[in-house]
Every structure is written in structure tokens, then in C-alpha cells.
Amino acid sequence: MKLRPSYKPMEITLIKKDKKKVDLRNSIDVSSSTLARMSKNEPVSLAVIIKICEYLECDLHDVVELVEVNDSGS
């Protein structure tokens, strides 16, 4: 079983907190390239995820979840 991150929980948390991704970039200095990686559900550092959790005052599961990848192509 192969897993990948999904940042869909972060999108939901941002909406609940009435925040936007640009707020993350401006308030906690998350780079545009990191936000782009997150938009593509690519891994980012745990340090970034912790910063986001602190800023949004939420738990890890409110920012990222692990989802199974269907590897049927190999």
C-alpha cells in the first residue's frame, strides 16, 4: 500500500477560519512554491505543516491526511 498526502483538510479548515492561502503566505512566510506543492498533494516538510497548525490553531489532521494511492499502472 502506497500513501500520499492530501491537503483537502487544510482547504476545509481555511474556509471554516475564514482564511485564504495568501494569508498563510503572508502571515507565516510559506513560499508560493510550497503552496503549489500542497495544491498538487505533494509532500512538504513537517515544519511547514506545524507552522500552519499553529497559525490556524488546529491539529495536524485539520491540515493533512494520508490517502491510499492506487498503483495499478505498474
PDB file of N, CA and C in Angstrom:
ATOM      1  N   MET A   1       0.844  -1.177   0.000  1.00  0.00           N
ATOM      2  CA  MET A   1       0.000   0.000   0.000  1.00  0.00           C
ATOM      3  C   MET A   1       0.891   1.243   0.000  1.00  0.00           C
ATOM      4  N   LYS A   2       0.608   2.142  -0.918  1.00  0.00           N
ATOM      5  CA  LYS A   2       1.363   3.381  -1.019  1.00  0.00           C
ATOM      6  C   LYS A   2       0.447   4.534  -0.606  1.00  0.00           C
ATOM      7  N   LEU A   3       1.003   5.460   0.185  1.00  0.00           N
ATOM      8  CA  LEU A   3       0.229   6.595   0.673  1.00  0.00           C
ATOM      9  C   LEU A   3       0.801   7.899   0.139  1.00  0.00           C
ATOM     10  N   ARG A   4      -0.075   8.881   0.012  1.00  0.00           N
ATOM     11  CA  ARG A   4       0.357  10.232  -0.353  1.00  0.00           C
ATOM     12  C   ARG A   4      -0.418  11.216   0.515  1.00  0.00           C
ATOM     13  N   PRO A   5       0.139  12.414   0.703  1.00  0.00           N
ATOM     14  CA  PRO A   5      -0.590  13.398   1.497  1.00  0.00           C
ATOM     15  C   PRO A   5      -1.731  14.010   0.704  1.00  0.00           C
ATOM     16  N   SER A   6      -2.767  14.377   1.408  1.00  0.00           N
ATOM     17  CA  SER A   6      -3.861  15.164   0.839  1.00  0.00           C
ATOM     18  C   SER A   6      -4.059  16.358   1.768  1.00  0.00           C
ATOM     19  N   TYR A   7      -4.109  17.543   1.187  1.00  0.00           N
ATOM     20  CA  TYR A   7      -4.266  18.755   1.978  1.00  0.00           C
ATOM     21  C   TYR A   7      -5.706  19.279   1.909  1.00  0.00           C
ATOM     22  N   LYS A   8      -6.642  18.414   1.514  1.00  0.00           N
ATOM     23  CA  LYS A   8      -8.051  18.797   1.495  1.00  0.00           C
ATOM     24  C   LYS A   8      -8.526  19.261   2.871  1.00  0.00           C
ATOM     25  N   PRO A   9      -8.089  18.607   3.962  1.00  0.00           N
ATOM     26  CA  PRO A   9      -8.499  19.106   5.280  1.00  0.00           C
ATOM     27  C   PRO A   9      -8.077  20.560   5.518  1.00  0.00           C
ATOM     28  N   MET A  10      -6.910  20.963   4.976  1.00  0.00           N
ATOM     29  CA  MET A  10      -6.467  22.342   5.144  1.00  0.00           C
ATOM     30  C   MET A  10      -7.415  23.300   4.428  1.00  0.00           C
ATOM     31  N   GLU A  11      -7.867  22.915   3.235  1.00  0.00           N
ATOM     32  CA  GLU A  11      -8.811  23.753   2.493  1.00  0.00           C
ATOM     33  C   GLU A  11     -10.081  23.967   3.318  1.00  0.00           C
ATOM     34  N   ILE A  12     -10.566  22.904   3.918  1.00  0.00           N
ATOM     35  CA  ILE A  12     -11.783  22.986   4.740  1.00  0.00           C
ATOM     36  C   ILE A  12     -11.539  23.859   5.968  1.00  0.00           C
ATOM     37  N   THR A  13     -10.383  23.671   6.616  1.00  0.00           N
ATOM     38  CA  THR A  13     -10.054  24.455   7.804  1.00  0.00           C
ATOM     39  C   THR A  13      -9.909  25.934   7.452  1.00  0.00           C
ATOM     40  N   LEU A  14      -9.289  26.232   6.317  1.00  0.00           N
ATOM     41  CA  LEU A  14      -9.162  27.630   5.891  1.00  0.00           C
ATOM     42  C   LEU A  14     -10.543  28.266   5.722  1.00  0.00           C
ATOM     43  N   ILE A  15     -11.459  27.542   5.110  1.00  0.00           N
ATOM     44  CA  ILE A  15     -12.816  28.065   4.914  1.00  0.00           C
ATOM     45  C   ILE A  15     -13.491  28.300   6.264  1.00  0.00           C
ATOM     46  N   LYS A  16     -13.382  27.327   7.164  1.00  0.00           N
ATOM     47  CA  LYS A  16     -14.000  27.449   8.485  1.00  0.00           C
ATOM     48  C   LYS A  16     -13.453  28.645   9.261  1.00  0.00           C
ATOM     49  N   LYS A  17     -12.149  28.919   9.078  1.00  0.00           N
ATOM     50  CA  LYS A  17     -11.490  30.007   9.807  1.00  0.00           C
ATOM     51  C   LYS A  17     -11.545  31.322   9.027  1.00  0.00           C
ATOM     52  N   ASP A  18     -12.210  31.313   7.860  1.00  0.00           N
ATOM     53  CA  ASP A  18     -12.330  32.499   7.008  1.00  0.00           C
ATOM     54  C   ASP A  18     -10.957  33.053   6.620  1.00  0.00           C
ATOM     55  N   LYS A  19     -10.076  32.140   6.230  1.00  0.00           N
ATOM     56  CA  LYS A  19      -8.717  32.494   5.804  1.00  0.00           C
ATOM     57  C   LYS A  19      -8.502  32.020   4.375  1.00  0.00           C
ATOM     58  N   LYS A  20      -7.466  32.560   3.748  1.00  0.00           N
ATOM     59  CA  LYS A  20      -7.088  32.165   2.392  1.00  0.00           C
ATOM     60  C   LYS A  20      -5.620  31.734   2.388  1.00  0.00           C
ATOM     61  N   LYS A  21      -5.227  31.056   1.331  1.00  0.00           N
ATOM     62  CA  LYS A  21      -3.832  30.614   1.231  1.00  0.00           C
ATOM     63  C   LYS A  21      -2.878  31.795   1.260  1.00  0.00           C
ATOM     64  N   VAL A  22      -3.300  32.910   0.699  1.00  0.00           N
ATOM     65  CA  VAL A  22      -2.443  34.100   0.705  1.00  0.00           C
ATOM     66  C   VAL A  22      -2.165  34.548   2.141  1.00  0.00           C
ATOM     67  N   ASP A  23      -3.112  34.307   3.047  1.00  0.00           N
ATOM     68  CA  ASP A  23      -2.892  34.629   4.463  1.00  0.00           C
ATOM     69  C   ASP A  23      -1.749  33.789   5.027  1.00  0.00           C
ATOM     70  N   LEU A  24      -1.688  32.529   4.616  1.00  0.00           N
ATOM     71  CA  LEU A  24      -0.581  31.665   5.061  1.00  0.00           C
ATOM     72  C   LEU A  24       0.744  32.209   4.550  1.00  0.00           C
ATOM     73  N   ARG A  25       0.752  32.565   3.275  1.00  0.00           N
ATOM     74  CA  ARG A  25       1.987  33.057   2.671  1.00  0.00           C
ATOM     75  C   ARG A  25       2.462  34.323   3.381  1.00  0.00           C
ATOM     76  N   ASN A  26       1.537  35.217   3.680  1.00  0.00           N
ATOM     77  CA  ASN A  26       1.910  36.499   4.285  1.00  0.00           C
ATOM     78  C   ASN A  26       2.171  36.404   5.785  1.00  0.00           C
ATOM     79  N   SER A  27       1.407  35.598   6.494  1.00  0.00           N
ATOM     80  CA  SER A  27       1.491  35.580   7.956  1.00  0.00           C
ATOM     81  C   SER A  27       2.588  34.673   8.501  1.00  0.00           C
ATOM     82  N   ILE A  28       2.810  33.529   7.859  1.00  0.00           N
ATOM     83  CA  ILE A  28       3.814  32.600   8.403  1.00  0.00           C
ATOM     84  C   ILE A  28       4.931  32.316   7.412  1.00  0.00           C
ATOM     85  N   ASP A  29       4.987  33.119   6.370  1.00  0.00           N
ATOM     86  CA  ASP A  29       6.097  33.038   5.419  1.00  0.00           C
ATOM     87  C   ASP A  29       6.210  31.660   4.766  1.00  0.00           C
ATOM     88  N   VAL A  30       5.083  31.145   4.294  1.00  0.00           N
ATOM     89  CA  VAL A  30       5.090  29.918   3.497  1.00  0.00           C
ATOM     90  C   VAL A  30       5.262  30.342   2.046  1.00  0.00           C
ATOM     91  N   SER A  31       6.218  29.760   1.355  1.00  0.00           N
ATOM     92  CA  SER A  31       6.511  30.192  -0.008  1.00  0.00           C
ATOM     93  C   SER A  31       5.414  29.773  -0.985  1.00  0.00           C
ATOM     94  N   SER A  32       5.353  30.498  -2.087  1.00  0.00           N
ATOM     95  CA  SER A  32       4.394  30.172  -3.147  1.00  0.00           C
ATOM     96  C   SER A  32       4.651  28.782  -3.697  1.00  0.00           C
ATOM     97  N   SER A  33       5.921  28.389  -3.784  1.00  0.00           N
ATOM     98  CA  SER A  33       6.244  27.061  -4.319  1.00  0.00           C
ATOM     99  C   SER A  33       5.765  25.960  -3.378  1.00  0.00           C
ATOM    100  N   THR A  34       5.839  26.199  -2.073  1.00  0.00           N
ATOM    101  CA  THR A  34       5.328  25.221  -1.105  1.00  0.00           C
ATOM    102  C   THR A  34       3.816  25.099  -1.233  1.00  0.00           C
ATOM    103  N   LEU A  35       3.124  26.225  -1.352  1.00  0.00           N
ATOM    104  CA  LEU A  35       1.670  26.190  -1.532  1.00  0.00           C
ATOM    105  C   LEU A  35       1.299  25.492  -2.838  1.00  0.00           C
ATOM    106  N   ALA A  36       2.110  25.679  -3.869  1.00  0.00           N
ATOM    107  CA  ALA A  36       1.857  24.994  -5.147  1.00  0.00           C
ATOM    108  C   ALA A  36       2.020  23.488  -4.982  1.00  0.00           C
ATOM    109  N   ARG A  37       3.049  23.061  -4.230  1.00  0.00           N
ATOM    110  CA  ARG A  37       3.235  21.619  -3.978  1.00  0.00           C
ATOM    111  C   ARG A  37       2.045  21.063  -3.207  1.00  0.00           C
ATOM    112  N   MET A  38       1.549  21.832  -2.267  1.00  0.00           N
ATOM    113  CA  MET A  38       0.401  21.387  -1.485  1.00  0.00           C
ATOM    114  C   MET A  38      -0.844  21.288  -2.367  1.00  0.00           C
ATOM    115  N   SER A  39      -0.984  22.194  -3.310  1.00  0.00           N
ATOM    116  CA  SER A  39      -2.128  22.150  -4.230  1.00  0.00           C
ATOM    117  C   SER A  39      -2.108  20.899  -5.092  1.00  0.00           C
ATOM    118  N   LYS A  40      -0.895  20.375  -5.324  1.00  0.00           N
ATOM    119  CA  LYS A  40      -0.728  19.155  -6.125  1.00  0.00           C
ATOM    120  C   LYS A  40      -0.653  17.910  -5.241  1.00  0.00           C
ATOM    121  N   ASN A  41      -0.933  18.077  -3.951  1.00  0.00           N
ATOM    122  CA  ASN A  41      -0.855  16.980  -2.975  1.00  0.00           C
ATOM    123  C   ASN A  41       0.517  16.310  -2.961  1.00  0.00           C
ATOM    124  N   GLU A  42       1.551  17.140  -3.060  1.00  0.00           N
ATOM    125  CA  GLU A  42       2.922  16.652  -2.968  1.00  0.00           C
ATOM    126  C   GLU A  42       3.425  16.871  -1.542  1.00  0.00           C
ATOM    127  N   PRO A  43       4.370  16.062  -1.100  1.00  0.00           N
ATOM    128  CA  PRO A  43       4.872  16.210   0.270  1.00  0.00           C
ATOM    129  C   PRO A  43       5.543  17.559   0.514  1.00  0.00           C
ATOM    130  N   VAL A  44       5.343  18.098   1.701  1.00  0.00           N
ATOM    131  CA  VAL A  44       6.056  19.283   2.172  1.00  0.00           C
ATOM    132  C   VAL A  44       6.615  18.947   3.545  1.00  0.00           C
ATOM    133  N   SER A  45       7.488  19.783   4.037  1.00  0.00           N
ATOM    134  CA  SER A  45       8.144  19.470   5.311  1.00  0.00           C
ATOM    135  C   SER A  45       7.159  19.533   6.478  1.00  0.00           C
ATOM    136  N   LEU A  46       7.448  18.724   7.471  1.00  0.00           N
ATOM    137  CA  LEU A  46       6.633  18.725   8.680  1.00  0.00           C
ATOM    138  C   LEU A  46       6.704  20.081   9.370  1.00  0.00           C
ATOM    139  N   ALA A  47       7.832  20.765   9.262  1.00  0.00           N
ATOM    140  CA  ALA A  47       7.979  22.092   9.866  1.00  0.00           C
ATOM    141  C   ALA A  47       6.944  23.064   9.299  1.00  0.00           C
ATOM    142  N   VAL A  48       6.694  22.986   8.001  1.00  0.00           N
ATOM    143  CA  VAL A  48       5.692  23.846   7.366  1.00  0.00           C
ATOM    144  C   VAL A  48       4.299  23.495   7.880  1.00  0.00           C
ATOM    145  N   ILE A  49       4.009  22.217   7.966  1.00  0.00           N
ATOM    146  CA  ILE A  49       2.692  21.782   8.438  1.00  0.00           C
ATOM    147  C   ILE A  49       2.472  22.232   9.887  1.00  0.00           C
ATOM    148  N   ILE A  50       3.507  22.150  10.714  1.00  0.00           N
ATOM    149  CA  ILE A  50       3.398  22.606  12.103  1.00  0.00           C
ATOM    150  C   ILE A  50       3.132  24.107  12.154  1.00  0.00           C
ATOM    151  N   LYS A  51       3.837  24.887  11.331  1.00  0.00           N
ATOM    152  CA  LYS A  51       3.594  26.337  11.270  1.00  0.00           C
ATOM    153  C   LYS A  51       2.139  26.630  10.914  1.00  0.00           C
ATOM    154  N   ILE A  52       1.616  25.878   9.947  1.00  0.00           N
ATOM    155  CA  ILE A  52       0.230  26.077   9.520  1.00  0.00           C
ATOM    156  C   ILE A  52      -0.721  25.728  10.665  1.00  0.00           C
ATOM    157  N   CYS A  53      -0.453  24.629  11.356  1.00  0.00           N
ATOM    158  CA  CYS A  53      -1.285  24.234  12.501  1.00  0.00           C
ATOM    159  C   CYS A  53      -1.275  25.311  13.585  1.00  0.00           C
ATOM    160  N   GLU A  54      -0.118  25.847  13.875  1.00  0.00           N
ATOM    161  CA  GLU A  54      -0.025  26.903  14.891  1.00  0.00           C
ATOM    162  C   GLU A  54      -0.795  28.141  14.450  1.00  0.00           C
ATOM    163  N   TYR A  55      -0.636  28.537  13.203  1.00  0.00           N
ATOM    164  CA  TYR A  55      -1.319  29.726  12.691  1.00  0.00           C
ATOM    165  C   TYR A  55      -2.835  29.548  12.715  1.00  0.00           C
ATOM    166  N   LEU A  56      -3.296  28.379  12.276  1.00  0.00           N
ATOM    167  CA  LEU A  56      -4.737  28.128  12.214  1.00  0.00           C
ATOM    168  C   LEU A  56      -5.310  27.647  13.551  1.00  0.00           C
ATOM    169  N   GLU A  57      -4.418  27.436  14.539  1.00  0.00           N
ATOM    170  CA  GLU A  57      -4.815  26.927  15.853  1.00  0.00           C
ATOM    171  C   GLU A  57      -5.649  25.652  15.705  1.00  0.00           C
ATOM    172  N   CYS A  58      -5.034  24.677  15.054  1.00  0.00           N
ATOM    173  CA  CYS A  58      -5.723  23.420  14.789  1.00  0.00           C
ATOM    174  C   CYS A  58      -4.759  22.245  14.941  1.00  0.00           C
ATOM    175  N   ASP A  59      -5.292  21.054  14.812  1.00  0.00           N
ATOM    176  CA  ASP A  59      -4.494  19.838  14.896  1.00  0.00           C
ATOM    177  C   ASP A  59      -3.989  19.424  13.518  1.00  0.00           C
ATOM    178  N   LEU A  60      -3.032  18.525  13.525  1.00  0.00           N
ATOM    179  CA  LEU A  60      -2.425  18.017  12.302  1.00  0.00           C
ATOM    180  C   LEU A  60      -3.477  17.474  11.327  1.00  0.00           C
ATOM    181  N   HIS A  61      -4.449  16.728  11.839  1.00  0.00           N
ATOM    182  CA  HIS A  61      -5.456  16.122  10.954  1.00  0.00           C
ATOM    183  C   HIS A  61      -6.387  17.162  10.327  1.00  0.00           C
ATOM    184  N   ASP A  62      -6.318  18.416  10.806  1.00  0.00           N
ATOM    185  CA  ASP A  62      -7.094  19.501  10.203  1.00  0.00           C
ATOM    186  C   ASP A  62      -6.350  20.131   9.027  1.00  0.00           C
ATOM    187  N   VAL A  63      -5.127  19.674   8.781  1.00  0.00           N
ATOM    188  CA  VAL A  63      -4.306  20.223   7.696  1.00  0.00           C
ATOM    189  C   VAL A  63      -3.977  19.169   6.646  1.00  0.00           C
ATOM    190  N   VAL A  64      -3.639  17.974   7.089  1.00  0.00           N
ATOM    191  CA  VAL A  64      -3.193  16.944   6.140  1.00  0.00           C
ATOM    192  C   VAL A  64      -3.740  15.581   6.553  1.00  0.00           C
ATOM    193  N   GLU A  65      -3.996  14.759   5.554  1.00  0.00           N
ATOM    194  CA  GLU A  65      -4.355  13.363   5.788  1.00  0.00           C
ATOM    195  C   GLU A  65      -3.603  12.512   4.781  1.00  0.00           C
ATOM    196  N   LEU A  66      -3.425  11.258   5.105  1.00  0.00           N
ATOM    197  CA  LEU A  66      -2.769  10.336   4.183  1.00  0.00           C
ATOM    198  C   LEU A  66      -3.857   9.521   3.465  1.00  0.00           C
ATOM    199  N   VAL A  67      -3.735   9.473   2.134  1.00  0.00           N
ATOM    200  CA  VAL A  67      -4.693   8.724   1.335  1.00  0.00           C
ATOM    201  C   VAL A  67      -3.940   7.673   0.539  1.00  0.00           C
ATOM    202  N   GLU A  68      -4.607   6.574   0.293  1.00  0.00           N
ATOM    203  CA  GLU A  68      -4.005   5.474  -0.439  1.00  0.00           C
ATOM    204  C   GLU A  68      -3.927   5.803  -1.925  1.00  0.00           C
ATOM    205  N   VAL A  69      -2.809   5.460  -2.541  1.00  0.00           N
ATOM    206  CA  VAL A  69      -2.598   5.651  -3.960  1.00  0.00           C
ATOM    207  C   VAL A  69      -2.820   4.328  -4.662  1.00  0.00           C
ATOM    208  N   ASN A  70      -3.627   4.348  -5.700  1.00  0.00           N
ATOM    209  CA  ASN A  70      -3.859   3.140  -6.487  1.00  0.00           C
ATOM    210  C   ASN A  70      -2.710   2.980  -7.468  1.00  0.00           C
ATOM    211  N   ASP A  71      -1.863   1.995  -7.225  1.00  0.00           N
ATOM    212  CA  ASP A  71      -0.669   1.768  -8.052  1.00  0.00           C
ATOM    213  C   ASP A  71      -0.894   0.680  -9.086  1.00  0.00           C
ATOM    214  N   SER A  72      -2.051   0.686  -9.734  1.00  0.00           N
ATOM    215  CA  SER A  72      -2.382  -0.379 -10.683  1.00  0.00           C
ATOM    216  C   SER A  72      -1.675  -0.248 -12.018  1.00  0.00           C
ATOM    217  N   GLY A  73      -0.981   0.897 -12.237  1.00  0.00           N
ATOM    218  CA  GLY A  73      -0.311   1.116 -13.515  1.00  0.00           C
ATOM    219  C   GLY A  73       0.973   0.338 -13.699  1.00  0.00           C
ATOM    220  N   SER A  74       1.516  -0.299 -12.667  1.00  0.00           N
ATOM    221  CA  SER A  74       2.784  -0.997 -12.814  1.00  0.00           C
ATOM    222  C   SER A  74       2.634  -2.480 -12.964  1.00  0.00           C
TER     223      SER A  74
END
